[in-house]
Structures are given as structure tokens and as C-alpha cells.
Amino acid sequence: MALDDILLEAEDKMTKTEEVVLHEFASVRTGKASPALVENIMVEVYGSNMRLREVAGISTPEPRMLVIQPWDMGSLHPIEKAIQKANIGLNPAIHGKLIRLVLPELSEERRVEFVKLAHKMAEHGRVAVRHVRRDAMEHIKKEGKSGGVSEEDVEHAEKEVQKLTDQYIKKIDEHLAHKEKEILTV
């Protein structure tokens, strides 16, 4: 594998890690309704477990309300039970053919808990980026030992991997700062 391929693969993996962190951040409640809060809740329907987003439409008609509209009315009550079981602090209310979830105002204590959760998610992301760096460095060293690549090229590639690592960790930190501000804004 050429050094350029190693660098491209590392950057691709780091980009995916950043996307995962952003998706995890979307599941952290801020006081504003977001379908990401509930879309991955597992619902037992049709004899198997399915994600909520696979059995219903999720919308936000108001800033602090989620509306879940099942595609099959038979899954209305299983969805309600799944949301209650998920223990996300939301109480589902059935209104005809849909379920409404009203997000209560967050207490200061709860906001601090969510900030800690976001910090934990960001740290997992940073660790994942460092793992990608470690793997890329190992590949680069193997290429250098197998011959055909000058020491200078190996050094340059290692510096590039470190630059990428710093860049993606900085991006994750920026996303964290934004999410923290969003959570703490009343």
C-alpha cells in the first residue's frame, strides 16, 4: 500500500469518526426537540425489534414537541411502551393516530449531566481518532521497513498523519464547544 493510500484511508476513517460523534451529539437533549432523540429506540413489532424510525414518521411541529406517526396503527401501543422503557425522561401521550412527546424544560442539574455526557462522547471520538493515527503510523512504518520508500517520505507521511489527527481532534473539540453552549443555553 502506498503512503498516499494510507493517508487517504486514515483521513476517511477520521471523517467517519467525526460524523459518528456528531450523530451521537444529536441524541443528547438540549431543550429543543430533535428526531434523533428517539429515532434509534428499539420497538418490538411484527415479532422482531426494529428502530422507531423504521416503523413511524418522526416530526417536530414545535420547538419542544415531537410527533410520532406510526405507519401501521397496530404499532401505536408498542411504540408507546418502547419510549417508556427507553427511560429518556419523556412521557408519550397518544392522540388519535399519533403520539406526542412534549419536552419539559431542563433543570440546571440535568443540563450539567448532559454536558458531561457530551464530554464523554467527544472523548470517545478523540480516542477513536488516535486509534486511526496509531494504525496509520504502523502501516507507514511497515512500508518503510519493506523498502521502496525513503526515510524522508516515511517521516513526511508520519507528520501528515499527525497533522490530520490534530485537525480532527480540533474539529471534535469545536463540535463539543458548540453542543455545550447549545445545552447550557436556557
N, C-alpha and C. Protein backbone atom coordinates (compact mmCIF):
# COMPACT_ATOMS: atom_id res chain seq x y z
N MET A 1 0.85 -1.19 0.00
CA MET A 1 0.00 0.00 0.00
C MET A 1 0.89 1.24 0.00
N ALA A 2 0.61 2.17 -0.87
CA ALA A 2 1.41 3.40 -0.97
C ALA A 2 1.10 4.32 0.21
N LEU A 3 2.06 5.18 0.52
CA LEU A 3 1.89 6.11 1.65
C LEU A 3 0.68 7.01 1.45
N ASP A 4 0.45 7.45 0.21
CA ASP A 4 -0.71 8.30 -0.06
C ASP A 4 -2.01 7.57 0.26
N ASP A 5 -2.06 6.28 -0.08
CA ASP A 5 -3.27 5.48 0.21
C ASP A 5 -3.49 5.37 1.72
N ILE A 6 -2.41 5.20 2.45
CA ILE A 6 -2.51 5.10 3.92
C ILE A 6 -3.07 6.41 4.47
N LEU A 7 -2.55 7.54 3.97
CA LEU A 7 -3.03 8.85 4.43
C LEU A 7 -4.50 9.06 4.08
N LEU A 8 -4.89 8.69 2.87
CA LEU A 8 -6.29 8.85 2.45
C LEU A 8 -7.22 7.99 3.30
N GLU A 9 -6.80 6.76 3.56
CA GLU A 9 -7.61 5.86 4.38
C GLU A 9 -7.75 6.41 5.80
N ALA A 10 -6.66 6.92 6.36
CA ALA A 10 -6.69 7.49 7.71
C ALA A 10 -7.65 8.68 7.75
N GLU A 11 -7.55 9.56 6.74
CA GLU A 11 -8.43 10.73 6.72
C GLU A 11 -9.90 10.31 6.59
N ASP A 12 -10.16 9.31 5.77
CA ASP A 12 -11.52 8.80 5.59
C ASP A 12 -12.08 8.28 6.92
N LYS A 13 -11.26 7.50 7.63
CA LYS A 13 -11.71 6.94 8.91
C LYS A 13 -11.94 8.04 9.94
N MET A 14 -11.08 9.06 9.93
CA MET A 14 -11.24 10.17 10.88
C MET A 14 -12.50 10.97 10.57
N THR A 15 -12.80 11.14 9.29
CA THR A 15 -14.03 11.83 8.89
C THR A 15 -15.25 11.07 9.39
N LYS A 16 -15.21 9.75 9.22
CA LYS A 16 -16.33 8.91 9.70
C LYS A 16 -16.47 9.00 11.21
N THR A 17 -15.35 9.04 11.92
CA THR A 17 -15.38 9.17 13.37
C THR A 17 -16.05 10.49 13.76
N GLU A 18 -15.69 11.56 13.05
CA GLU A 18 -16.30 12.87 13.33
C GLU A 18 -17.82 12.81 13.10
N GLU A 19 -18.24 12.14 12.03
CA GLU A 19 -19.67 12.01 11.74
C GLU A 19 -20.39 11.23 12.83
N VAL A 20 -19.76 10.18 13.34
CA VAL A 20 -20.36 9.39 14.42
C VAL A 20 -20.53 10.26 15.67
N VAL A 21 -19.51 11.04 16.00
CA VAL A 21 -19.60 11.92 17.17
C VAL A 21 -20.74 12.92 16.99
N LEU A 22 -20.86 13.50 15.82
CA LEU A 22 -21.95 14.45 15.56
C LEU A 22 -23.31 13.79 15.69
N HIS A 23 -23.42 12.55 15.21
CA HIS A 23 -24.70 11.84 15.31
C HIS A 23 -25.01 11.53 16.78
N GLU A 24 -23.99 11.16 17.55
CA GLU A 24 -24.20 10.92 18.98
C GLU A 24 -24.63 12.21 19.68
N PHE A 25 -24.00 13.33 19.32
CA PHE A 25 -24.37 14.61 19.91
C PHE A 25 -25.84 14.92 19.64
N ALA A 26 -26.33 14.56 18.47
CA ALA A 26 -27.73 14.84 18.12
C ALA A 26 -28.69 14.12 19.05
N SER A 27 -28.24 13.01 19.65
CA SER A 27 -29.13 12.27 20.55
C SER A 27 -29.14 12.85 21.96
N VAL A 28 -28.28 13.83 22.23
CA VAL A 28 -28.26 14.48 23.55
C VAL A 28 -29.28 15.61 23.54
N ARG A 29 -30.16 15.57 24.52
CA ARG A 29 -31.25 16.53 24.58
C ARG A 29 -30.77 17.92 24.96
N THR A 30 -31.29 18.92 24.30
CA THR A 30 -30.88 20.29 24.62
C THR A 30 -32.04 21.15 25.11
N GLY A 31 -33.24 20.67 24.97
CA GLY A 31 -34.40 21.51 25.27
C GLY A 31 -35.16 21.77 23.99
N LYS A 32 -34.48 21.54 22.86
CA LYS A 32 -35.13 21.64 21.56
C LYS A 32 -35.41 20.22 21.10
N ALA A 33 -36.58 20.01 20.49
CA ALA A 33 -36.93 18.68 20.02
C ALA A 33 -36.11 18.33 18.78
N SER A 34 -35.66 17.09 18.74
CA SER A 34 -34.93 16.58 17.58
C SER A 34 -35.30 15.12 17.39
N PRO A 35 -35.63 14.71 16.17
CA PRO A 35 -35.97 13.31 15.94
C PRO A 35 -34.87 12.35 16.38
N ALA A 36 -33.62 12.81 16.42
CA ALA A 36 -32.51 11.96 16.84
C ALA A 36 -32.66 11.49 18.30
N LEU A 37 -33.46 12.21 19.07
CA LEU A 37 -33.67 11.81 20.47
C LEU A 37 -34.31 10.43 20.57
N VAL A 38 -35.18 10.11 19.62
CA VAL A 38 -35.96 8.87 19.73
C VAL A 38 -35.79 7.91 18.56
N GLU A 39 -35.17 8.33 17.47
CA GLU A 39 -35.17 7.52 16.24
C GLU A 39 -34.54 6.14 16.39
N ASN A 40 -33.63 5.96 17.35
CA ASN A 40 -32.96 4.67 17.50
C ASN A 40 -33.55 3.81 18.61
N ILE A 41 -34.65 4.24 19.21
CA ILE A 41 -35.30 3.42 20.23
C ILE A 41 -35.82 2.15 19.57
N MET A 42 -35.55 1.00 20.21
CA MET A 42 -35.97 -0.27 19.64
C MET A 42 -37.42 -0.56 20.04
N VAL A 43 -38.24 -0.87 19.03
CA VAL A 43 -39.67 -1.14 19.23
C VAL A 43 -39.92 -2.59 18.83
N GLU A 44 -40.65 -3.31 19.69
CA GLU A 44 -40.97 -4.70 19.38
C GLU A 44 -42.27 -4.76 18.59
N VAL A 45 -42.15 -4.97 17.28
CA VAL A 45 -43.31 -5.07 16.39
C VAL A 45 -43.07 -6.21 15.39
N TYR A 46 -44.15 -6.78 14.94
CA TYR A 46 -44.09 -7.86 13.94
C TYR A 46 -43.17 -9.00 14.36
N GLY A 47 -43.09 -9.24 15.66
CA GLY A 47 -42.29 -10.35 16.17
C GLY A 47 -40.79 -10.11 16.16
N SER A 48 -40.37 -8.88 15.93
CA SER A 48 -38.93 -8.58 15.98
C SER A 48 -38.72 -7.15 16.49
N ASN A 49 -37.46 -6.84 16.79
CA ASN A 49 -37.14 -5.48 17.24
C ASN A 49 -36.72 -4.64 16.05
N MET A 50 -37.32 -3.44 15.95
CA MET A 50 -36.99 -2.51 14.87
C MET A 50 -36.77 -1.13 15.47
N ARG A 51 -35.97 -0.32 14.79
CA ARG A 51 -35.77 1.06 15.25
C ARG A 51 -37.06 1.84 15.02
N LEU A 52 -37.30 2.81 15.89
CA LEU A 52 -38.51 3.63 15.79
C LEU A 52 -38.62 4.28 14.42
N ARG A 53 -37.50 4.76 13.88
CA ARG A 53 -37.55 5.44 12.58
C ARG A 53 -37.98 4.50 11.45
N GLU A 54 -37.91 3.18 11.68
CA GLU A 54 -38.30 2.21 10.66
C GLU A 54 -39.79 1.89 10.70
N VAL A 55 -40.47 2.25 11.80
CA VAL A 55 -41.89 1.91 11.93
C VAL A 55 -42.80 3.15 12.00
N ALA A 56 -42.18 4.35 12.01
CA ALA A 56 -43.00 5.55 12.15
C ALA A 56 -42.28 6.78 11.61
N GLY A 57 -43.08 7.79 11.28
CA GLY A 57 -42.53 9.07 10.89
C GLY A 57 -42.37 9.92 12.14
N ILE A 58 -41.26 10.65 12.23
CA ILE A 58 -40.99 11.48 13.41
C ILE A 58 -40.84 12.92 12.94
N SER A 59 -41.62 13.83 13.53
CA SER A 59 -41.53 15.23 13.13
C SER A 59 -41.50 16.14 14.36
N THR A 60 -41.14 17.40 14.15
CA THR A 60 -41.08 18.39 15.23
C THR A 60 -41.94 19.59 14.84
N PRO A 61 -43.24 19.54 15.15
CA PRO A 61 -44.12 20.65 14.78
C PRO A 61 -43.88 21.92 15.59
N GLU A 62 -43.32 21.75 16.80
CA GLU A 62 -43.00 22.88 17.66
C GLU A 62 -41.59 22.66 18.21
N PRO A 63 -40.92 23.72 18.67
CA PRO A 63 -39.55 23.57 19.15
C PRO A 63 -39.37 22.57 20.30
N ARG A 64 -40.41 22.38 21.11
CA ARG A 64 -40.26 21.46 22.25
C ARG A 64 -41.26 20.30 22.17
N MET A 65 -41.61 19.88 20.95
CA MET A 65 -42.54 18.77 20.82
C MET A 65 -42.13 17.86 19.66
N LEU A 66 -42.22 16.56 19.91
CA LEU A 66 -42.02 15.56 18.86
C LEU A 66 -43.35 14.89 18.59
N VAL A 67 -43.64 14.63 17.32
CA VAL A 67 -44.84 13.89 16.96
C VAL A 67 -44.40 12.65 16.21
N ILE A 68 -44.89 11.50 16.70
CA ILE A 68 -44.54 10.22 16.08
C ILE A 68 -45.81 9.66 15.46
N GLN A 69 -45.75 9.40 14.17
CA GLN A 69 -46.92 8.88 13.45
C GLN A 69 -46.57 7.50 12.88
N PRO A 70 -47.08 6.43 13.53
CA PRO A 70 -46.78 5.08 13.05
C PRO A 70 -47.40 4.84 11.67
N TRP A 71 -46.69 4.05 10.86
CA TRP A 71 -47.22 3.73 9.55
C TRP A 71 -48.31 2.66 9.66
N ASP A 72 -48.27 1.87 10.73
CA ASP A 72 -49.28 0.85 10.98
C ASP A 72 -49.86 1.13 12.37
N MET A 73 -51.18 1.34 12.43
CA MET A 73 -51.80 1.69 13.71
C MET A 73 -51.62 0.60 14.77
N GLY A 74 -51.34 -0.62 14.35
CA GLY A 74 -51.12 -1.72 15.30
C GLY A 74 -49.84 -1.53 16.09
N SER A 75 -48.95 -0.67 15.62
CA SER A 75 -47.68 -0.47 16.34
C SER A 75 -47.72 0.75 17.27
N LEU A 76 -48.90 1.38 17.39
CA LEU A 76 -49.03 2.57 18.24
C LEU A 76 -48.66 2.27 19.70
N HIS A 77 -49.28 1.25 20.28
CA HIS A 77 -49.01 0.93 21.70
C HIS A 77 -47.61 0.35 21.92
N PRO A 78 -47.10 -0.53 21.02
CA PRO A 78 -45.71 -0.97 21.21
C PRO A 78 -44.71 0.20 21.18
N ILE A 79 -44.97 1.21 20.35
CA ILE A 79 -44.09 2.39 20.30
C ILE A 79 -44.14 3.13 21.63
N GLU A 80 -45.36 3.30 22.15
CA GLU A 80 -45.52 3.98 23.44
C GLU A 80 -44.74 3.24 24.53
N LYS A 81 -44.87 1.90 24.58
CA LYS A 81 -44.16 1.11 25.59
C LYS A 81 -42.65 1.24 25.43
N ALA A 82 -42.17 1.21 24.18
CA ALA A 82 -40.73 1.30 23.92
C ALA A 82 -40.17 2.64 24.40
N ILE A 83 -40.92 3.72 24.19
CA ILE A 83 -40.45 5.05 24.63
C ILE A 83 -40.39 5.09 26.16
N GLN A 84 -41.41 4.51 26.81
CA GLN A 84 -41.39 4.48 28.28
C GLN A 84 -40.23 3.64 28.79
N LYS A 85 -39.97 2.50 28.15
CA LYS A 85 -38.87 1.61 28.55
C LYS A 85 -37.51 2.26 28.34
N ALA A 86 -37.40 3.10 27.30
CA ALA A 86 -36.12 3.72 26.96
C ALA A 86 -35.62 4.65 28.06
N ASN A 87 -36.53 5.09 28.93
CA ASN A 87 -36.17 5.90 30.09
C ASN A 87 -35.37 7.15 29.67
N ILE A 88 -35.92 7.91 28.73
CA ILE A 88 -35.24 9.12 28.26
C ILE A 88 -35.86 10.38 28.87
N GLY A 89 -36.74 10.18 29.83
CA GLY A 89 -37.32 11.33 30.51
C GLY A 89 -38.48 11.97 29.76
N LEU A 90 -39.04 11.26 28.78
CA LEU A 90 -40.17 11.79 28.03
C LEU A 90 -41.38 10.89 28.24
N ASN A 91 -42.55 11.53 28.39
CA ASN A 91 -43.77 10.78 28.62
C ASN A 91 -44.65 10.82 27.37
N PRO A 92 -44.81 9.67 26.68
CA PRO A 92 -45.60 9.65 25.45
C PRO A 92 -47.10 9.79 25.74
N ALA A 93 -47.78 10.57 24.91
CA ALA A 93 -49.23 10.73 25.03
C ALA A 93 -49.86 10.41 23.68
N ILE A 94 -50.78 9.43 23.67
CA ILE A 94 -51.44 9.04 22.43
C ILE A 94 -52.60 9.99 22.16
N HIS A 95 -52.60 10.56 20.95
CA HIS A 95 -53.69 11.43 20.50
C HIS A 95 -54.19 10.88 19.17
N GLY A 96 -55.24 10.08 19.21
CA GLY A 96 -55.78 9.50 17.98
C GLY A 96 -54.79 8.55 17.33
N LYS A 97 -54.29 8.95 16.15
CA LYS A 97 -53.40 8.07 15.39
C LYS A 97 -51.92 8.43 15.56
N LEU A 98 -51.62 9.33 16.51
CA LEU A 98 -50.22 9.68 16.69
C LEU A 98 -49.85 9.81 18.16
N ILE A 99 -48.55 9.88 18.39
CA ILE A 99 -48.02 10.00 19.75
C ILE A 99 -47.31 11.34 19.85
N ARG A 100 -47.62 12.07 20.91
CA ARG A 100 -46.95 13.36 21.14
C ARG A 100 -45.99 13.21 22.32
N LEU A 101 -44.82 13.80 22.16
CA LEU A 101 -43.83 13.86 23.23
C LEU A 101 -43.50 15.32 23.47
N VAL A 102 -43.84 15.81 24.65
CA VAL A 102 -43.52 17.20 24.98
C VAL A 102 -42.26 17.20 25.83
N LEU A 103 -41.26 17.96 25.40
CA LEU A 103 -40.01 18.03 26.15
C LEU A 103 -40.15 19.05 27.27
N PRO A 104 -39.99 18.60 28.51
CA PRO A 104 -40.08 19.55 29.62
C PRO A 104 -38.84 20.45 29.65
N GLU A 105 -38.97 21.58 30.32
CA GLU A 105 -37.83 22.48 30.47
C GLU A 105 -36.76 21.76 31.29
N LEU A 106 -35.50 21.88 30.87
CA LEU A 106 -34.41 21.20 31.56
C LEU A 106 -33.96 21.97 32.79
N SER A 107 -33.74 21.25 33.89
CA SER A 107 -33.21 21.89 35.09
C SER A 107 -31.70 22.09 34.90
N GLU A 108 -31.12 22.96 35.70
CA GLU A 108 -29.68 23.23 35.60
C GLU A 108 -28.88 21.94 35.85
N GLU A 109 -29.34 21.15 36.82
CA GLU A 109 -28.68 19.89 37.16
C GLU A 109 -28.66 18.94 35.96
N ARG A 110 -29.81 18.85 35.29
CA ARG A 110 -29.94 17.96 34.13
C ARG A 110 -29.05 18.45 32.98
N ARG A 111 -28.98 19.77 32.81
CA ARG A 111 -28.13 20.32 31.76
C ARG A 111 -26.67 19.94 32.00
N VAL A 112 -26.23 20.02 33.25
CA VAL A 112 -24.85 19.68 33.59
C VAL A 112 -24.59 18.19 33.29
N GLU A 113 -25.58 17.33 33.58
CA GLU A 113 -25.45 15.90 33.27
C GLU A 113 -25.28 15.70 31.76
N PHE A 114 -26.06 16.43 30.97
CA PHE A 114 -25.97 16.30 29.51
C PHE A 114 -24.63 16.80 28.99
N VAL A 115 -24.09 17.85 29.62
CA VAL A 115 -22.77 18.35 29.22
C VAL A 115 -21.71 17.28 29.49
N LYS A 116 -21.81 16.62 30.65
CA LYS A 116 -20.86 15.55 30.98
C LYS A 116 -20.96 14.42 29.97
N LEU A 117 -22.19 14.08 29.58
CA LEU A 117 -22.41 13.03 28.59
C LEU A 117 -21.78 13.42 27.25
N ALA A 118 -21.95 14.67 26.85
CA ALA A 118 -21.36 15.15 25.60
C ALA A 118 -19.83 15.08 25.66
N HIS A 119 -19.26 15.42 26.83
CA HIS A 119 -17.80 15.35 27.00
C HIS A 119 -17.32 13.91 26.84
N LYS A 120 -18.09 12.97 27.40
CA LYS A 120 -17.73 11.57 27.30
C LYS A 120 -17.76 11.11 25.83
N MET A 121 -18.81 11.52 25.11
CA MET A 121 -18.92 11.16 23.69
C MET A 121 -17.75 11.74 22.89
N ALA A 122 -17.39 12.99 23.19
CA ALA A 122 -16.28 13.64 22.49
C ALA A 122 -14.97 12.91 22.78
N GLU A 123 -14.79 12.49 24.02
CA GLU A 123 -13.56 11.77 24.38
C GLU A 123 -13.48 10.44 23.64
N HIS A 124 -14.61 9.75 23.51
CA HIS A 124 -14.62 8.50 22.73
C HIS A 124 -14.21 8.79 21.28
N GLY A 125 -14.68 9.89 20.75
CA GLY A 125 -14.32 10.29 19.39
C GLY A 125 -12.84 10.58 19.26
N ARG A 126 -12.29 11.31 20.24
CA ARG A 126 -10.85 11.62 20.21
C ARG A 126 -10.02 10.34 20.29
N VAL A 127 -10.44 9.42 21.15
CA VAL A 127 -9.73 8.14 21.28
C VAL A 127 -9.77 7.38 19.96
N ALA A 128 -10.93 7.37 19.31
CA ALA A 128 -11.06 6.68 18.02
C ALA A 128 -10.13 7.30 16.98
N VAL A 129 -10.02 8.63 16.97
CA VAL A 129 -9.12 9.30 16.03
C VAL A 129 -7.68 8.90 16.32
N ARG A 130 -7.33 8.80 17.60
CA ARG A 130 -5.96 8.41 17.96
C ARG A 130 -5.68 6.96 17.55
N HIS A 131 -6.69 6.10 17.62
CA HIS A 131 -6.53 4.72 17.16
C HIS A 131 -6.24 4.69 15.66
N VAL A 132 -6.95 5.52 14.92
CA VAL A 132 -6.72 5.60 13.47
C VAL A 132 -5.28 6.05 13.23
N ARG A 133 -4.83 7.05 14.02
CA ARG A 133 -3.45 7.54 13.87
C ARG A 133 -2.46 6.41 14.13
N ARG A 134 -2.68 5.67 15.21
CA ARG A 134 -1.77 4.58 15.57
C ARG A 134 -1.70 3.54 14.43
N ASP A 135 -2.87 3.16 13.92
CA ASP A 135 -2.90 2.18 12.82
C ASP A 135 -2.17 2.71 11.59
N ALA A 136 -2.40 3.97 11.25
CA ALA A 136 -1.75 4.56 10.08
C ALA A 136 -0.23 4.60 10.28
N MET A 137 0.21 4.97 11.48
CA MET A 137 1.66 5.03 11.77
C MET A 137 2.28 3.63 11.62
N GLU A 138 1.56 2.59 12.10
CA GLU A 138 2.08 1.22 11.97
C GLU A 138 2.21 0.85 10.49
N HIS A 139 1.19 1.19 9.69
CA HIS A 139 1.24 0.90 8.25
C HIS A 139 2.43 1.62 7.59
N ILE A 140 2.62 2.88 7.98
CA ILE A 140 3.71 3.68 7.39
C ILE A 140 5.06 3.05 7.74
N LYS A 141 5.23 2.63 9.00
CA LYS A 141 6.49 2.02 9.42
C LYS A 141 6.74 0.71 8.68
N LYS A 142 5.66 -0.08 8.48
CA LYS A 142 5.80 -1.33 7.72
C LYS A 142 6.25 -1.04 6.30
N GLU A 143 5.67 -0.01 5.69
CA GLU A 143 6.05 0.38 4.32
C GLU A 143 7.53 0.78 4.28
N GLY A 144 7.94 1.51 5.32
CA GLY A 144 9.34 1.96 5.39
C GLY A 144 10.30 0.79 5.53
N LYS A 145 9.92 -0.20 6.34
CA LYS A 145 10.78 -1.36 6.56
C LYS A 145 10.83 -2.29 5.35
N SER A 146 9.71 -2.37 4.63
CA SER A 146 9.67 -3.28 3.48
C SER A 146 10.50 -2.75 2.31
N GLY A 147 10.92 -1.52 2.40
CA GLY A 147 11.77 -0.94 1.36
C GLY A 147 10.95 -0.26 0.28
N GLY A 148 11.64 0.41 -0.60
CA GLY A 148 10.95 1.09 -1.69
C GLY A 148 10.46 2.48 -1.32
N VAL A 149 10.55 2.82 -0.04
CA VAL A 149 10.11 4.13 0.43
C VAL A 149 11.26 4.75 1.22
N SER A 150 11.63 5.97 0.89
CA SER A 150 12.75 6.61 1.58
C SER A 150 12.36 7.00 3.00
N GLU A 151 13.38 7.14 3.84
CA GLU A 151 13.15 7.53 5.24
C GLU A 151 12.48 8.90 5.30
N GLU A 152 12.89 9.75 4.37
CA GLU A 152 12.33 11.10 4.29
C GLU A 152 10.82 11.05 4.04
N ASP A 153 10.41 10.18 3.10
CA ASP A 153 8.99 10.02 2.79
C ASP A 153 8.21 9.49 3.99
N VAL A 154 8.83 8.54 4.70
CA VAL A 154 8.18 7.97 5.89
C VAL A 154 7.98 9.07 6.93
N GLU A 155 9.01 9.86 7.16
CA GLU A 155 8.92 10.96 8.13
C GLU A 155 7.83 11.95 7.74
N HIS A 156 7.81 12.30 6.46
CA HIS A 156 6.80 13.24 5.95
C HIS A 156 5.39 12.69 6.15
N ALA A 157 5.21 11.40 5.84
CA ALA A 157 3.89 10.76 5.98
C ALA A 157 3.46 10.75 7.45
N GLU A 158 4.40 10.47 8.35
CA GLU A 158 4.08 10.46 9.78
C GLU A 158 3.65 11.85 10.25
N LYS A 159 4.35 12.89 9.75
CA LYS A 159 3.97 14.27 10.10
C LYS A 159 2.57 14.59 9.58
N GLU A 160 2.25 14.11 8.35
CA GLU A 160 0.92 14.35 7.77
C GLU A 160 -0.16 13.67 8.60
N VAL A 161 0.10 12.44 9.06
CA VAL A 161 -0.87 11.73 9.89
C VAL A 161 -1.09 12.51 11.19
N GLN A 162 0.00 13.03 11.76
CA GLN A 162 -0.15 13.80 12.99
C GLN A 162 -0.94 15.07 12.74
N LYS A 163 -0.72 15.73 11.60
CA LYS A 163 -1.48 16.93 11.25
C LYS A 163 -2.98 16.60 11.16
N LEU A 164 -3.27 15.50 10.47
CA LEU A 164 -4.66 15.06 10.33
C LEU A 164 -5.29 14.81 11.70
N THR A 165 -4.54 14.12 12.55
CA THR A 165 -5.03 13.80 13.90
C THR A 165 -5.36 15.08 14.66
N ASP A 166 -4.43 16.03 14.65
CA ASP A 166 -4.65 17.30 15.35
C ASP A 166 -5.86 18.03 14.78
N GLN A 167 -5.98 18.00 13.45
CA GLN A 167 -7.09 18.68 12.78
C GLN A 167 -8.44 18.08 13.20
N TYR A 168 -8.55 16.75 13.23
CA TYR A 168 -9.83 16.12 13.57
C TYR A 168 -10.15 16.21 15.05
N ILE A 169 -9.13 16.17 15.89
CA ILE A 169 -9.38 16.34 17.33
C ILE A 169 -9.87 17.77 17.57
N LYS A 170 -9.29 18.74 16.87
CA LYS A 170 -9.73 20.13 16.99
C LYS A 170 -11.19 20.26 16.54
N LYS A 171 -11.56 19.59 15.43
CA LYS A 171 -12.94 19.64 14.95
C LYS A 171 -13.90 19.08 16.00
N ILE A 172 -13.52 17.94 16.58
CA ILE A 172 -14.38 17.33 17.61
C ILE A 172 -14.53 18.28 18.79
N ASP A 173 -13.43 18.92 19.19
CA ASP A 173 -13.49 19.88 20.30
C ASP A 173 -14.40 21.07 19.97
N GLU A 174 -14.36 21.52 18.71
CA GLU A 174 -15.23 22.63 18.29
C GLU A 174 -16.70 22.20 18.33
N HIS A 175 -16.99 20.98 17.86
CA HIS A 175 -18.36 20.47 17.92
C HIS A 175 -18.83 20.37 19.37
N LEU A 176 -17.91 19.92 20.25
CA LEU A 176 -18.24 19.79 21.67
C LEU A 176 -18.56 21.16 22.27
N ALA A 177 -17.75 22.16 21.96
CA ALA A 177 -17.98 23.51 22.49
C ALA A 177 -19.34 24.03 22.03
N HIS A 178 -19.66 23.79 20.76
CA HIS A 178 -20.96 24.21 20.21
C HIS A 178 -22.10 23.49 20.93
N LYS A 179 -21.96 22.18 21.12
CA LYS A 179 -23.02 21.39 21.76
C LYS A 179 -23.17 21.82 23.22
N GLU A 180 -22.07 22.07 23.89
CA GLU A 180 -22.11 22.50 25.30
C GLU A 180 -22.86 23.83 25.41
N LYS A 181 -22.56 24.77 24.51
CA LYS A 181 -23.24 26.06 24.51
C LYS A 181 -24.74 25.86 24.27
N GLU A 182 -25.06 24.96 23.32
CA GLU A 182 -26.46 24.68 22.99
C GLU A 182 -27.21 24.09 24.20
N ILE A 183 -26.55 23.18 24.92
CA ILE A 183 -27.18 22.55 26.08
C ILE A 183 -27.40 23.56 27.20
N LEU A 184 -26.42 24.40 27.43
CA LEU A 184 -26.49 25.32 28.57
C LEU A 184 -27.32 26.57 28.30
N THR A 185 -27.67 26.82 27.03
CA THR A 185 -28.50 27.98 26.70
C THR A 185 -29.93 27.70 27.14
N VAL A 186 -30.47 28.60 27.97
CA VAL A 186 -31.82 28.41 28.51
C VAL A 186 -32.82 29.00 27.55
